[in-house]
PDB file of N, CA and C in Angstrom:
ATOM      1  N   MET A   1      52.171 135.933 109.416  1.00  0.00           N
ATOM      2  CA  MET A   1      52.775 135.310 110.556  1.00  0.00           C
ATOM      3  C   MET A   1      53.470 136.342 111.458  1.00  0.00           C
ATOM      4  N   HIS A   2      53.291 137.599 111.145  1.00  0.00           N
ATOM      5  CA  HIS A   2      53.903 138.643 111.965  1.00  0.00           C
ATOM      6  C   HIS A   2      53.364 138.616 113.380  1.00  0.00           C
ATOM      7  N   CYS A   3      52.077 138.334 113.522  1.00  0.00           N
ATOM      8  CA  CYS A   3      51.474 138.387 114.855  1.00  0.00           C
ATOM      9  C   CYS A   3      51.991 137.256 115.753  1.00  0.00           C
ATOM     10  N   ALA A   4      52.391 136.148 115.184  1.00  0.00           N
ATOM     11  CA  ALA A   4      52.902 135.024 115.978  1.00  0.00           C
ATOM     12  C   ALA A   4      54.409 135.113 116.196  1.00  0.00           C
ATOM     13  N   GLY A   5      55.067 136.067 115.555  1.00  0.00           N
ATOM     14  CA  GLY A   5      56.515 136.216 115.702  1.00  0.00           C
ATOM     15  C   GLY A   5      57.305 135.214 114.886  1.00  0.00           C
ATOM     16  N   LEU A   6      56.715 134.705 113.815  1.00  0.00           N
ATOM     17  CA  LEU A   6      57.376 133.706 112.980  1.00  0.00           C
ATOM     18  C   LEU A   6      57.720 134.241 111.586  1.00  0.00           C
ATOM     19  N   ALA A   7      57.715 135.548 111.430  1.00  0.00           N
ATOM     20  CA  ALA A   7      57.942 136.147 110.118  1.00  0.00           C
ATOM     21  C   ALA A   7      59.360 135.927 109.598  1.00  0.00           C
ATOM     22  N   ASP A   8      60.323 135.766 110.488  1.00  0.00           N
ATOM     23  CA  ASP A   8      61.711 135.620 110.053  1.00  0.00           C
ATOM     24  C   ASP A   8      62.091 134.168 109.755  1.00  0.00           C
ATOM     25  N   LEU A   9      61.172 133.231 109.934  1.00  0.00           N
ATOM     26  CA  LEU A   9      61.456 131.825 109.663  1.00  0.00           C
ATOM     27  C   LEU A   9      61.128 131.480 108.218  1.00  0.00           C
ATOM     28  N   VAL A  10      61.847 130.511 107.663  1.00  0.00           N
ATOM     29  CA  VAL A  10      61.613 130.062 106.282  1.00  0.00           C
ATOM     30  C   VAL A  10      61.016 128.667 106.302  1.00  0.00           C
ATOM     31  N   PHE A  11      60.260 128.339 105.253  1.00  0.00           N
ATOM     32  CA  PHE A  11      59.567 127.061 105.167  1.00  0.00           C
ATOM     33  C   PHE A  11      60.467 126.005 104.540  1.00  0.00           C
ATOM     34  N   LEU A  12      60.589 124.868 105.188  1.00  0.00           N
ATOM     35  CA  LEU A  12      61.305 123.708 104.676  1.00  0.00           C
ATOM     36  C   LEU A  12      60.276 122.604 104.487  1.00  0.00           C
ATOM     37  N   PRO A  13      59.937 122.260 103.240  1.00  0.00           N
ATOM     38  CA  PRO A  13      58.907 121.245 103.016  1.00  0.00           C
ATOM     39  C   PRO A  13      59.351 119.866 103.489  1.00  0.00           C
ATOM     40  N   ALA A  14      58.390 119.043 103.850  1.00  0.00           N
ATOM     41  CA  ALA A  14      58.673 117.673 104.278  1.00  0.00           C
ATOM     42  C   ALA A  14      59.215 116.886 103.086  1.00  0.00           C
ATOM     43  N   GLY A  15      60.029 115.871 103.396  1.00  0.00           N
ATOM     44  CA  GLY A  15      60.542 115.036 102.326  1.00  0.00           C
ATOM     45  C   GLY A  15      61.991 114.649 102.502  1.00  0.00           C
ATOM     46  N   ASP A  16      62.812 115.540 103.020  1.00  0.00           N
ATOM     47  CA  ASP A  16      64.219 115.229 103.237  1.00  0.00           C
ATOM     48  C   ASP A  16      64.464 115.175 104.750  1.00  0.00           C
ATOM     49  N   ALA A  17      64.412 113.969 105.303  1.00  0.00           N
ATOM     50  CA  ALA A  17      64.485 113.802 106.750  1.00  0.00           C
ATOM     51  C   ALA A  17      65.834 114.239 107.317  1.00  0.00           C
ATOM     52  N   LEU A  18      66.911 113.917 106.625  1.00  0.00           N
ATOM     53  CA  LEU A  18      68.242 114.285 107.114  1.00  0.00           C
ATOM     54  C   LEU A  18      68.396 115.797 107.190  1.00  0.00           C
ATOM     55  N   LEU A  19      67.999 116.479 106.153  1.00  0.00           N
ATOM     56  CA  LEU A  19      68.071 117.944 106.127  1.00  0.00           C
ATOM     57  C   LEU A  19      67.188 118.542 107.222  1.00  0.00           C
ATOM     58  N   ALA A  20      65.995 118.027 107.392  1.00  0.00           N
ATOM     59  CA  ALA A  20      65.071 118.563 108.395  1.00  0.00           C
ATOM     60  C   ALA A  20      65.600 118.359 109.806  1.00  0.00           C
ATOM     61  N   ARG A  21      66.127 117.171 110.096  1.00  0.00           N
ATOM     62  CA  ARG A  21      66.654 116.907 111.441  1.00  0.00           C
ATOM     63  C   ARG A  21      67.822 117.809 111.777  1.00  0.00           C
ATOM     64  N   ARG A  22      68.749 117.946 110.842  1.00  0.00           N
ATOM     65  CA  ARG A  22      69.935 118.760 111.116  1.00  0.00           C
ATOM     66  C   ARG A  22      69.606 120.238 111.191  1.00  0.00           C
ATOM     67  N   ALA A  23      68.711 120.721 110.320  1.00  0.00           N
ATOM     68  CA  ALA A  23      68.331 122.134 110.344  1.00  0.00           C
ATOM     69  C   ALA A  23      67.565 122.464 111.624  1.00  0.00           C
ATOM     70  N   LYS A  24      66.728 121.547 112.056  1.00  0.00           N
ATOM     71  CA  LYS A  24      65.976 121.744 113.288  1.00  0.00           C
ATOM     72  C   LYS A  24      66.919 121.810 114.489  1.00  0.00           C
ATOM     73  N   ALA A  25      67.967 120.997 114.467  1.00  0.00           N
ATOM     74  CA  ALA A  25      68.942 121.007 115.557  1.00  0.00           C
ATOM     75  C   ALA A  25      69.750 122.306 115.586  1.00  0.00           C
ATOM     76  N   LYS A  26      70.058 122.871 114.425  1.00  0.00           N
ATOM     77  CA  LYS A  26      70.848 124.113 114.342  1.00  0.00           C
ATOM     78  C   LYS A  26      70.019 125.354 114.649  1.00  0.00           C
ATOM     79  N   SER A  27      68.718 125.285 114.413  1.00  0.00           N
ATOM     80  CA  SER A  27      67.855 126.447 114.579  1.00  0.00           C
ATOM     81  C   SER A  27      67.453 126.608 116.045  1.00  0.00           C
ATOM     82  N   ALA A  28      67.522 127.826 116.527  1.00  0.00           N
ATOM     83  CA  ALA A  28      67.112 128.101 117.908  1.00  0.00           C
ATOM     84  C   ALA A  28      65.590 128.065 118.035  1.00  0.00           C
ATOM     85  N   ARG A  29      64.891 128.434 116.968  1.00  0.00           N
ATOM     86  CA  ARG A  29      63.428 128.421 116.963  1.00  0.00           C
ATOM     87  C   ARG A  29      62.946 127.658 115.744  1.00  0.00           C
ATOM     88  N   PHE A  30      61.886 126.887 115.921  1.00  0.00           N
ATOM     89  CA  PHE A  30      61.269 126.191 114.793  1.00  0.00           C
ATOM     90  C   PHE A  30      59.797 125.978 115.099  1.00  0.00           C
ATOM     91  N   ALA A  31      59.039 125.712 114.046  1.00  0.00           N
ATOM     92  CA  ALA A  31      57.617 125.400 114.188  1.00  0.00           C
ATOM     93  C   ALA A  31      57.266 124.328 113.164  1.00  0.00           C
ATOM     94  N   VAL A  32      56.414 123.414 113.550  1.00  0.00           N
ATOM     95  CA  VAL A  32      55.962 122.359 112.662  1.00  0.00           C
ATOM     96  C   VAL A  32      54.705 122.848 111.955  1.00  0.00           C
ATOM     97  N   VAL A  33      54.670 122.705 110.632  1.00  0.00           N
ATOM     98  CA  VAL A  33      53.524 123.132 109.836  1.00  0.00           C
ATOM     99  C   VAL A  33      52.678 121.897 109.533  1.00  0.00           C
ATOM    100  N   VAL A  34      51.409 121.926 109.939  1.00  0.00           N
ATOM    101  CA  VAL A  34      50.499 120.816 109.698  1.00  0.00           C
ATOM    102  C   VAL A  34      49.243 121.328 108.998  1.00  0.00           C
ATOM    103  N   ARG A  35      48.545 120.403 108.343  1.00  0.00           N
ATOM    104  CA  ARG A  35      47.274 120.726 107.685  1.00  0.00           C
ATOM    105  C   ARG A  35      46.305 119.589 107.966  1.00  0.00           C
ATOM    106  N   PHE A  36      45.058 119.919 108.256  1.00  0.00           N
ATOM    107  CA  PHE A  36      44.068 118.897 108.545  1.00  0.00           C
ATOM    108  C   PHE A  36      43.564 118.282 107.251  1.00  0.00           C
ATOM    109  N   SER A  37      43.574 116.950 107.191  1.00  0.00           N
ATOM    110  CA  SER A  37      43.046 116.222 106.045  1.00  0.00           C
ATOM    111  C   SER A  37      41.637 115.751 106.383  1.00  0.00           C
ATOM    112  N   LYS A  38      40.662 116.229 105.629  1.00  0.00           N
ATOM    113  CA  LYS A  38      39.275 115.848 105.896  1.00  0.00           C
ATOM    114  C   LYS A  38      39.035 114.369 105.602  1.00  0.00           C
ATOM    115  N   SER A  39      39.673 113.864 104.550  1.00  0.00           N
ATOM    116  CA  SER A  39      39.441 112.465 104.176  1.00  0.00           C
ATOM    117  C   SER A  39      40.041 111.489 105.186  1.00  0.00           C
ATOM    118  N   ARG A  40      41.190 111.818 105.727  1.00  0.00           N
ATOM    119  CA  ARG A  40      41.836 110.935 106.712  1.00  0.00           C
ATOM    120  C   ARG A  40      41.479 111.281 108.147  1.00  0.00           C
ATOM    121  N   ARG A  41      40.860 112.455 108.328  1.00  0.00           N
ATOM    122  CA  ARG A  41      40.444 112.942 109.639  1.00  0.00           C
ATOM    123  C   ARG A  41      41.604 113.027 110.625  1.00  0.00           C
ATOM    124  N   ARG A  42      42.706 113.567 110.146  1.00  0.00           N
ATOM    125  CA  ARG A  42      43.876 113.773 111.013  1.00  0.00           C
ATOM    126  C   ARG A  42      44.753 114.873 110.427  1.00  0.00           C
ATOM    127  N   TYR A  43      45.670 115.351 111.242  1.00  0.00           N
ATOM    128  CA  TYR A  43      46.611 116.365 110.791  1.00  0.00           C
ATOM    129  C   TYR A  43      47.776 115.691 110.074  1.00  0.00           C
ATOM    130  N   GLU A  44      48.203 116.295 108.969  1.00  0.00           N
ATOM    131  CA  GLU A  44      49.339 115.786 108.209  1.00  0.00           C
ATOM    132  C   GLU A  44      50.438 116.829 108.217  1.00  0.00           C
ATOM    133  N   ARG A  45      51.642 116.371 108.460  1.00  0.00           N
ATOM    134  CA  ARG A  45      52.797 117.265 108.525  1.00  0.00           C
ATOM    135  C   ARG A  45      53.161 117.752 107.124  1.00  0.00           C
ATOM    136  N   GLN A  46      53.290 119.051 106.968  1.00  0.00           N
ATOM    137  CA  GLN A  46      53.633 119.655 105.683  1.00  0.00           C
ATOM    138  C   GLN A  46      55.098 120.055 105.609  1.00  0.00           C
ATOM    139  N   GLY A  47      55.694 120.373 106.751  1.00  0.00           N
ATOM    140  CA  GLY A  47      57.089 120.793 106.779  1.00  0.00           C
ATOM    141  C   GLY A  47      57.419 121.521 108.066  1.00  0.00           C
ATOM    142  N   LEU A  48      58.514 122.273 108.026  1.00  0.00           N
ATOM    143  CA  LEU A  48      58.997 123.018 109.185  1.00  0.00           C
ATOM    144  C   LEU A  48      59.206 124.480 108.833  1.00  0.00           C
ATOM    145  N   LEU A  49      59.052 125.330 109.814  1.00  0.00           N
ATOM    146  CA  LEU A  49      59.503 126.715 109.724  1.00  0.00           C
ATOM    147  C   LEU A  49      60.761 126.800 110.574  1.00  0.00           C
ATOM    148  N   ILE A  50      61.887 127.149 109.959  1.00  0.00           N
ATOM    149  CA  ILE A  50      63.155 127.231 110.678  1.00  0.00           C
ATOM    150  C   ILE A  50      63.868 128.524 110.323  1.00  0.00           C
ATOM    151  N   GLU A  51      64.911 128.833 111.073  1.00  0.00           N
ATOM    152  CA  GLU A  51      65.674 130.044 110.803  1.00  0.00           C
ATOM    153  C   GLU A  51      66.483 129.874 109.519  1.00  0.00           C
ATOM    154  N   ALA A  52      66.576 130.931 108.746  1.00  0.00           N
ATOM    155  CA  ALA A  52      67.227 130.884 107.434  1.00  0.00           C
ATOM    156  C   ALA A  52      68.709 130.531 107.540  1.00  0.00           C
ATOM    157  N   HIS A  53      69.402 131.067 108.533  1.00  0.00           N
ATOM    158  CA  HIS A  53      70.840 130.799 108.647  1.00  0.00           C
ATOM    159  C   HIS A  53      71.096 129.321 108.946  1.00  0.00           C
ATOM    160  N   ALA A  54      70.195 128.680 109.692  1.00  0.00           N
ATOM    161  CA  ALA A  54      70.362 127.253 109.996  1.00  0.00           C
ATOM    162  C   ALA A  54      70.203 126.418 108.730  1.00  0.00           C
ATOM    163  N   LEU A  55      69.235 126.775 107.899  1.00  0.00           N
ATOM    164  CA  LEU A  55      69.008 126.039 106.658  1.00  0.00           C
ATOM    165  C   LEU A  55      70.192 126.180 105.704  1.00  0.00           C
ATOM    166  N   THR A  56      70.705 127.387 105.525  1.00  0.00           N
ATOM    167  CA  THR A  56      71.834 127.571 104.611  1.00  0.00           C
ATOM    168  C   THR A  56      73.087 126.877 105.131  1.00  0.00           C
ATOM    169  N   GLU A  57      73.293 126.913 106.436  1.00  0.00           N
ATOM    170  CA  GLU A  57      74.469 126.266 107.029  1.00  0.00           C
ATOM    171  C   GLU A  57      74.422 124.743 106.829  1.00  0.00           C
ATOM    172  N   VAL A  58      73.269 124.152 107.058  1.00  0.00           N
ATOM    173  CA  VAL A  58      73.125 122.701 106.911  1.00  0.00           C
ATOM    174  C   VAL A  58      73.204 122.296 105.445  1.00  0.00           C
ATOM    175  N   GLU A  59      72.576 123.055 104.546  1.00  0.00           N
ATOM    176  CA  GLU A  59      72.666 122.745 103.115  1.00  0.00           C
ATOM    177  C   GLU A  59      74.108 122.813 102.637  1.00  0.00           C
ATOM    178  N   ARG A  60      74.846 123.812 103.088  1.00  0.00           N
ATOM    179  CA  ARG A  60      76.245 123.953 102.704  1.00  0.00           C
ATOM    180  C   ARG A  60      77.063 122.752 103.200  1.00  0.00           C
ATOM    181  N   ALA A  61      76.821 122.329 104.428  1.00  0.00           N
ATOM    182  CA  ALA A  61      77.546 121.186 105.000  1.00  0.00           C
ATOM    183  C   ALA A  61      77.209 119.893 104.258  1.00  0.00           C
ATOM    184  N   LEU A  62      75.945 119.686 103.936  1.00  0.00           N
ATOM    185  CA  LEU A  62      75.549 118.476 103.218  1.00  0.00           C
ATOM    186  C   LEU A  62      76.098 118.457 101.796  1.00  0.00           C
ATOM    187  N   ASN A  63      76.124 119.614 101.129  1.00  0.00           N
ATOM    188  CA  ASN A  63      76.687 119.688  99.780  1.00  0.00           C
ATOM    189  C   ASN A  63      78.186 119.414  99.792  1.00  0.00           C
ATOM    190  N   ALA A  64      78.884 119.923 100.800  1.00  0.00           N
ATOM    191  CA  ALA A  64      80.320 119.677 100.906  1.00  0.00           C
ATOM    192  C   ALA A  64      80.587 118.198 101.168  1.00  0.00           C
ATOM    193  N   LYS A  65      79.776 117.592 102.029  1.00  0.00           N
ATOM    194  CA  LYS A  65      79.936 116.170 102.328  1.00  0.00           C
ATOM    195  C   LYS A  65      79.667 115.326 101.093  1.00  0.00           C
ATOM    196  N   ALA A  66      78.663 115.693 100.304  1.00  0.00           N
ATOM    197  CA  ALA A  66      78.347 114.960  99.079  1.00  0.00           C
ATOM    198  C   ALA A  66      79.473 115.090  98.062  1.00  0.00           C
ATOM    199  N   ALA A  67      80.090 116.264  97.981  1.00  0.00           N
ATOM    200  CA  ALA A  67      81.191 116.472  97.041  1.00  0.00           C
ATOM    201  C   ALA A  67      82.399 115.634  97.441  1.00  0.00           C
ATOM    202  N   VAL A  68      82.673 115.557  98.731  1.00  0.00           N
ATOM    203  CA  VAL A  68      83.810 114.765  99.209  1.00  0.00           C
ATOM    204  C   VAL A  68      83.578 113.287  98.949  1.00  0.00           C
ATOM    205  N   SER A  69      82.376 112.805  99.214  1.00  0.00           N
ATOM    206  CA  SER A  69      82.102 111.384  98.995  1.00  0.00           C
ATOM    207  C   SER A  69      82.098 111.044  97.512  1.00  0.00           C
ATOM    208  N   ALA A  70      81.655 111.971  96.657  1.00  0.00           N
ATOM    209  CA  ALA A  70      81.691 111.732  95.212  1.00  0.00           C
ATOM    210  C   ALA A  70      83.126 111.686  94.714  1.00  0.00           C
ATOM    211  N   ALA A  71      83.975 112.557  95.247  1.00  0.00           N
ATOM    212  CA  ALA A  71      85.373 112.569  94.840  1.00  0.00           C
ATOM    213  C   ALA A  71      86.084 111.308  95.302  1.00  0.00           C
ATOM    214  N   SER A  72      85.785 110.833  96.491  1.00  0.00           N
ATOM    215  CA  SER A  72      86.439 109.622  96.987  1.00  0.00           C
ATOM    216  C   SER A  72      85.957 108.387  96.243  1.00  0.00           C
ATOM    217  N   SER A  73      84.710 108.378  95.807  1.00  0.00           N
ATOM    218  CA  SER A  73      84.216 107.219  95.056  1.00  0.00           C
ATOM    219  C   SER A  73      84.812 107.182  93.655  1.00  0.00           C
ATOM    220  N   ASP A  74      85.218 108.330  93.124  1.00  0.00           N
ATOM    221  CA  ASP A  74      85.867 108.359  91.810  1.00  0.00           C
ATOM    222  C   ASP A  74      87.275 107.784  91.877  1.00  0.00           C
ATOM    223  N   ARG A  75      87.932 107.942  93.022  1.00  0.00           N
ATOM    224  CA  ARG A  75      89.297 107.449  93.176  1.00  0.00           C
ATOM    225  C   ARG A  75      89.355 105.941  93.420  1.00  0.00           C
ATOM    226  N   GLU A  76      88.336 105.396  94.052  1.00  0.00           N
ATOM    227  CA  GLU A  76      88.336 103.973  94.351  1.00  0.00           C
ATOM    228  C   GLU A  76      87.974 103.176  93.103  1.00  0.00           C
ATOM    229  N   PRO A  77      88.579 101.988  92.941  1.00  0.00           N
ATOM    230  CA  PRO A  77      88.232 101.172  91.777  1.00  0.00           C
ATOM    231  C   PRO A  77      86.795 100.676  91.887  1.00  0.00           C
ATOM    232  N   LYS A  78      86.175 100.538  90.755  1.00  0.00           N
ATOM    233  CA  LYS A  78      84.801 100.071  90.716  1.00  0.00           C
ATOM    234  C   LYS A  78      84.775  98.584  91.031  1.00  0.00           C
ATOM    235  N   ARG A  79      83.876  98.205  91.912  1.00  0.00           N
ATOM    236  CA  ARG A  79      83.744  96.808  92.286  1.00  0.00           C
ATOM    237  C   ARG A  79      82.574  96.218  91.529  1.00  0.00           C
ATOM    238  N   THR A  80      82.784  95.053  90.998  1.00  0.00           N
ATOM    239  CA  THR A  80      81.713  94.367  90.285  1.00  0.00           C
ATOM    240  C   THR A  80      81.336  93.133  91.073  1.00  0.00           C
ATOM    241  N   SER A  81      80.082  92.823  91.054  1.00  0.00           N
ATOM    242  CA  SER A  81      79.654  91.622  91.759  1.00  0.00           C
ATOM    243  C   SER A  81      79.825  90.425  90.828  1.00  0.00           C
ATOM    244  N   MET A  82      80.339  89.365  91.381  1.00  0.00           N
ATOM    245  CA  MET A  82      80.548  88.149  90.604  1.00  0.00           C
ATOM    246  C   MET A  82      79.656  87.052  91.170  1.00  0.00           C
ATOM    247  N   LYS A  83      78.991  86.364  90.292  1.00  0.00           N
ATOM    248  CA  LYS A  83      78.179  85.243  90.720  1.00  0.00           C
ATOM    249  C   LYS A  83      79.082  84.061  91.011  1.00  0.00           C
ATOM    250  N   ARG A  84      78.624  83.218  91.895  1.00  0.00           N
ATOM    251  CA  ARG A  84      79.420  82.057  92.256  1.00  0.00           C
ATOM    252  C   ARG A  84      79.556  81.135  91.043  1.00  0.00           C
ATOM    253  N   GLY A  85      80.792  80.742  90.783  1.00  0.00           N
ATOM    254  CA  GLY A  85      81.051  79.842  89.671  1.00  0.00           C
ATOM    255  C   GLY A  85      81.347  80.547  88.367  1.00  0.00           C
ATOM    256  N   SER A  86      81.212  81.868  88.318  1.00  0.00           N
ATOM    257  CA  SER A  86      81.493  82.574  87.070  1.00  0.00           C
ATOM    258  C   SER A  86      82.970  82.920  86.973  1.00  0.00           C
ATOM    259  N   VAL A  87      83.446  83.034  85.786  1.00  0.00           N
ATOM    260  CA  VAL A  87      84.842  83.363  85.556  1.00  0.00           C
ATOM    261  C   VAL A  87      84.907  84.824  85.163  1.00  0.00           C
ATOM    262  N   HIS A  88      85.797  85.567  85.837  1.00  0.00           N
ATOM    263  CA  HIS A  88      85.963  86.992  85.543  1.00  0.00           C
ATOM    264  C   HIS A  88      87.044  87.149  84.493  1.00  0.00           C
ATOM    265  N   ARG A  89      86.703  87.748  83.362  1.00  0.00           N
ATOM    266  CA  ARG A  89      87.674  87.958  82.280  1.00  0.00           C
ATOM    267  C   ARG A  89      87.825  89.445  82.034  1.00  0.00           C
ATOM    268  N   GLU A  90      89.042  89.855  81.855  1.00  0.00           N
ATOM    269  CA  GLU A  90      89.336  91.255  81.544  1.00  0.00           C
ATOM    270  C   GLU A  90      89.063  91.501  80.069  1.00  0.00           C
ATOM    271  N   PRO A  91      88.443  92.598  79.717  1.00  0.00           N
ATOM    272  CA  PRO A  91      88.168  92.906  78.296  1.00  0.00           C
ATOM    273  C   PRO A  91      89.407  93.319  77.545  1.00  0.00           C
TER     274      PRO A  91
END
């Protein structure tokens, strides 16, 4: 990919839409990677080529957000669903 000027970009496989959208927004340059499917007779998206610093920055932000939400869910009491007409008894 040296001839196209994409050697410094890293591959982000398709599958995590939130990560892909945010990394694409942070990256100044990106390219969509597609492959032709003979059986379906169309191009299928394989992933993105994005700048490495954008990917690490977004992964770090998402991991921090996940840690904060996990910590806050540990502090909140667990809610149980009760069916109508059932009596809730403490063990």
